[in-house]
Amino acid sequence: MSKVIVNMGYRSIVVDVEAAIEIARLMAGAEVYKSKYRSAQDGRSSYNTHHIYPMEQDYAFTMQMVTNEAYNLYKLAGKPEER
């Protein structure tokens, strides 16, 4: 069965096609959450603000299909060595 590489930010995962479809379905309804630190100023103490807003293009993720042969070859290579 073909696999799909899902790239999200700085991490990529490999899942079955059905799982990739489910991820896409879930992400379609997702919103972005962000907590932003505000430093102390004008006599006020520091605080965090919390925000939820629609996902924009820069938060997008990508998916790419991988053939069985490529998947098996990449898996055979295993985890890369750290330098």
N, C-alpha and C. Protein backbone atom coordinates (compact mmCIF):
# COMPACT_ATOMS: atom_id res chain seq x y z
N MET A 1 0.84 -1.18 0.00
CA MET A 1 0.00 0.00 0.00
C MET A 1 0.88 1.24 0.00
N SER A 2 0.53 2.22 -0.81
CA SER A 2 1.28 3.47 -0.88
C SER A 2 1.18 4.21 0.45
N LYS A 3 2.18 5.01 0.70
CA LYS A 3 2.24 5.84 1.90
C LYS A 3 2.21 7.30 1.50
N VAL A 4 1.97 8.15 2.47
CA VAL A 4 1.95 9.59 2.24
C VAL A 4 2.85 10.26 3.27
N ILE A 5 3.72 11.15 2.80
CA ILE A 5 4.54 11.96 3.69
C ILE A 5 3.78 13.26 3.94
N VAL A 6 3.52 13.55 5.20
CA VAL A 6 2.81 14.77 5.58
C VAL A 6 3.82 15.70 6.22
N ASN A 7 4.01 16.89 5.62
CA ASN A 7 4.96 17.88 6.14
C ASN A 7 4.18 18.96 6.89
N MET A 8 4.46 19.08 8.18
CA MET A 8 3.81 20.09 9.02
C MET A 8 4.90 20.85 9.76
N GLY A 9 5.15 22.06 9.35
CA GLY A 9 6.18 22.85 10.01
C GLY A 9 7.54 22.22 9.81
N TYR A 10 8.23 21.96 10.92
CA TYR A 10 9.58 21.42 10.87
C TYR A 10 9.63 19.90 11.01
N ARG A 11 8.49 19.24 10.94
CA ARG A 11 8.46 17.80 11.11
C ARG A 11 7.65 17.16 9.99
N SER A 12 8.07 15.99 9.58
CA SER A 12 7.35 15.23 8.56
C SER A 12 7.03 13.86 9.14
N ILE A 13 5.84 13.37 8.82
CA ILE A 13 5.42 12.05 9.28
C ILE A 13 5.00 11.23 8.08
N VAL A 14 5.00 9.92 8.22
CA VAL A 14 4.57 9.01 7.15
C VAL A 14 3.36 8.23 7.65
N VAL A 15 2.29 8.25 6.85
CA VAL A 15 1.06 7.56 7.23
C VAL A 15 0.47 6.87 6.01
N ASP A 16 -0.48 5.98 6.26
CA ASP A 16 -1.23 5.35 5.17
C ASP A 16 -2.11 6.40 4.49
N VAL A 17 -2.54 6.11 3.27
CA VAL A 17 -3.36 7.04 2.50
C VAL A 17 -4.63 7.41 3.26
N GLU A 18 -5.29 6.44 3.88
CA GLU A 18 -6.53 6.71 4.60
C GLU A 18 -6.30 7.69 5.75
N ALA A 19 -5.18 7.53 6.46
CA ALA A 19 -4.86 8.44 7.57
C ALA A 19 -4.57 9.84 7.04
N ALA A 20 -3.91 9.94 5.88
CA ALA A 20 -3.62 11.25 5.28
C ALA A 20 -4.91 11.97 4.91
N ILE A 21 -5.87 11.22 4.39
CA ILE A 21 -7.17 11.82 4.05
C ILE A 21 -7.85 12.33 5.31
N GLU A 22 -7.78 11.56 6.38
CA GLU A 22 -8.39 11.98 7.65
C GLU A 22 -7.69 13.21 8.22
N ILE A 23 -6.37 13.27 8.12
CA ILE A 23 -5.62 14.45 8.57
C ILE A 23 -6.08 15.67 7.79
N ALA A 24 -6.19 15.55 6.47
CA ALA A 24 -6.64 16.68 5.64
C ALA A 24 -8.05 17.11 6.03
N ARG A 25 -8.91 16.14 6.31
CA ARG A 25 -10.29 16.44 6.72
C ARG A 25 -10.29 17.20 8.05
N LEU A 26 -9.49 16.76 9.00
CA LEU A 26 -9.43 17.42 10.30
C LEU A 26 -8.84 18.82 10.19
N MET A 27 -7.79 18.98 9.41
CA MET A 27 -7.13 20.27 9.27
C MET A 27 -8.02 21.29 8.55
N ALA A 28 -8.92 20.81 7.70
CA ALA A 28 -9.81 21.72 6.97
C ALA A 28 -10.69 22.51 7.92
N GLY A 29 -11.02 21.95 9.06
CA GLY A 29 -11.86 22.64 10.04
C GLY A 29 -11.09 23.24 11.19
N ALA A 30 -9.76 23.18 11.12
CA ALA A 30 -8.94 23.66 12.24
C ALA A 30 -8.76 25.17 12.21
N GLU A 31 -8.52 25.74 13.38
CA GLU A 31 -8.18 27.15 13.52
C GLU A 31 -6.82 27.22 14.21
N VAL A 32 -6.20 28.38 14.15
CA VAL A 32 -4.89 28.59 14.76
C VAL A 32 -5.08 29.16 16.16
N TYR A 33 -4.32 28.62 17.12
CA TYR A 33 -4.28 29.16 18.48
C TYR A 33 -2.88 29.71 18.70
N LYS A 34 -2.80 30.91 19.29
CA LYS A 34 -1.50 31.50 19.59
C LYS A 34 -1.58 32.26 20.91
N SER A 35 -0.58 32.04 21.74
CA SER A 35 -0.42 32.80 22.97
C SER A 35 0.74 33.76 22.74
N LYS A 36 0.53 35.04 23.02
CA LYS A 36 1.55 36.05 22.76
C LYS A 36 1.92 36.75 24.07
N TYR A 37 3.22 36.76 24.35
CA TYR A 37 3.75 37.39 25.56
C TYR A 37 3.81 38.90 25.36
N ARG A 38 3.33 39.63 26.32
CA ARG A 38 3.40 41.10 26.32
C ARG A 38 4.24 41.53 27.51
N SER A 39 5.33 42.23 27.24
CA SER A 39 6.24 42.63 28.32
C SER A 39 5.65 43.80 29.11
N ALA A 40 6.17 43.95 30.31
CA ALA A 40 5.71 45.00 31.20
C ALA A 40 6.06 46.37 30.62
N GLN A 41 5.11 47.30 30.70
CA GLN A 41 5.36 48.67 30.26
C GLN A 41 4.31 49.60 30.84
N ASP A 42 4.67 50.84 30.99
CA ASP A 42 3.76 51.87 31.51
C ASP A 42 3.14 51.47 32.85
N GLY A 43 3.94 50.85 33.71
CA GLY A 43 3.46 50.48 35.04
C GLY A 43 2.61 49.22 35.08
N ARG A 44 2.35 48.60 33.95
CA ARG A 44 1.58 47.35 33.92
C ARG A 44 2.54 46.17 33.97
N SER A 45 2.12 45.10 34.62
CA SER A 45 2.96 43.90 34.62
C SER A 45 2.82 43.17 33.29
N SER A 46 3.77 42.27 33.07
CA SER A 46 3.71 41.49 31.83
C SER A 46 2.53 40.53 31.88
N TYR A 47 2.09 40.14 30.71
CA TYR A 47 0.93 39.24 30.61
C TYR A 47 0.94 38.56 29.25
N ASN A 48 0.10 37.56 29.11
CA ASN A 48 -0.08 36.86 27.84
C ASN A 48 -1.47 37.16 27.30
N THR A 49 -1.56 37.32 26.00
CA THR A 49 -2.87 37.38 25.35
C THR A 49 -3.05 36.07 24.60
N HIS A 50 -4.29 35.67 24.42
CA HIS A 50 -4.59 34.40 23.76
C HIS A 50 -5.49 34.69 22.56
N HIS A 51 -5.16 34.05 21.42
CA HIS A 51 -5.84 34.36 20.18
C HIS A 51 -6.22 33.08 19.44
N ILE A 52 -7.40 33.06 18.85
CA ILE A 52 -7.84 31.99 17.96
C ILE A 52 -8.35 32.66 16.70
N TYR A 53 -7.84 32.20 15.54
CA TYR A 53 -8.21 32.83 14.28
C TYR A 53 -8.11 31.82 13.15
N PRO A 54 -8.70 32.14 12.00
CA PRO A 54 -8.70 31.19 10.87
C PRO A 54 -7.28 30.88 10.39
N MET A 55 -7.10 29.68 9.92
CA MET A 55 -5.82 29.26 9.37
C MET A 55 -5.58 29.99 8.05
N GLU A 56 -4.35 30.45 7.86
CA GLU A 56 -3.99 31.14 6.62
C GLU A 56 -3.05 30.26 5.82
N GLN A 57 -2.75 30.68 4.62
CA GLN A 57 -1.90 29.88 3.73
C GLN A 57 -0.55 29.56 4.35
N ASP A 58 0.03 30.46 5.13
CA ASP A 58 1.36 30.20 5.70
C ASP A 58 1.34 29.13 6.77
N TYR A 59 0.15 28.70 7.21
CA TYR A 59 0.06 27.60 8.16
C TYR A 59 -0.25 26.28 7.46
N ALA A 60 -0.21 26.29 6.14
CA ALA A 60 -0.58 25.11 5.37
C ALA A 60 0.41 23.97 5.59
N PHE A 61 -0.02 22.80 5.25
CA PHE A 61 0.84 21.63 5.29
C PHE A 61 0.83 21.01 3.91
N THR A 62 1.82 20.18 3.63
CA THR A 62 1.87 19.54 2.32
C THR A 62 1.87 18.03 2.50
N MET A 63 1.43 17.34 1.46
CA MET A 63 1.44 15.89 1.44
C MET A 63 2.02 15.43 0.12
N GLN A 64 2.77 14.34 0.16
CA GLN A 64 3.28 13.76 -1.08
C GLN A 64 3.18 12.25 -1.01
N MET A 65 2.72 11.68 -2.10
CA MET A 65 2.61 10.22 -2.18
C MET A 65 4.00 9.61 -2.35
N VAL A 66 4.19 8.44 -1.75
CA VAL A 66 5.45 7.71 -1.87
C VAL A 66 5.11 6.30 -2.34
N THR A 67 5.80 5.84 -3.36
CA THR A 67 5.55 4.49 -3.85
C THR A 67 6.02 3.47 -2.82
N ASN A 68 5.53 2.26 -2.95
CA ASN A 68 5.98 1.19 -2.04
C ASN A 68 7.48 0.98 -2.13
N GLU A 69 8.02 1.05 -3.34
CA GLU A 69 9.46 0.84 -3.53
C GLU A 69 10.27 1.93 -2.83
N ALA A 70 9.85 3.18 -2.99
CA ALA A 70 10.56 4.28 -2.33
C ALA A 70 10.43 4.17 -0.82
N TYR A 71 9.22 3.87 -0.33
CA TYR A 71 9.00 3.72 1.11
C TYR A 71 9.94 2.65 1.68
N ASN A 72 10.00 1.49 1.04
CA ASN A 72 10.86 0.41 1.52
C ASN A 72 12.33 0.80 1.49
N LEU A 73 12.75 1.52 0.46
CA LEU A 73 14.14 1.97 0.36
C LEU A 73 14.46 2.97 1.48
N TYR A 74 13.58 3.95 1.69
CA TYR A 74 13.80 4.96 2.74
C TYR A 74 13.80 4.31 4.12
N LYS A 75 12.91 3.34 4.33
CA LYS A 75 12.83 2.66 5.63
C LYS A 75 14.08 1.85 5.88
N LEU A 76 14.62 1.23 4.84
CA LEU A 76 15.85 0.46 4.96
C LEU A 76 17.01 1.34 5.42
N ALA A 77 17.03 2.60 5.00
CA ALA A 77 18.08 3.54 5.40
C ALA A 77 18.03 3.84 6.89
N GLY A 78 16.85 3.74 7.50
CA GLY A 78 16.71 3.94 8.94
C GLY A 78 16.91 5.40 9.36
N LYS A 79 17.11 5.59 10.65
CA LYS A 79 17.29 6.91 11.23
C LYS A 79 18.68 7.44 10.89
N PRO A 80 18.79 8.70 10.44
CA PRO A 80 20.10 9.23 10.10
C PRO A 80 20.97 9.44 11.35
N GLU A 81 22.27 9.34 11.15
CA GLU A 81 23.19 9.57 12.26
C GLU A 81 23.28 11.06 12.57
N GLU A 82 23.38 11.39 13.84
CA GLU A 82 23.56 12.78 14.26
C GLU A 82 25.05 13.08 14.27
N ARG A 83 25.42 14.24 13.83
CA ARG A 83 26.84 14.62 13.82
C ARG A 83 27.18 15.47 15.00
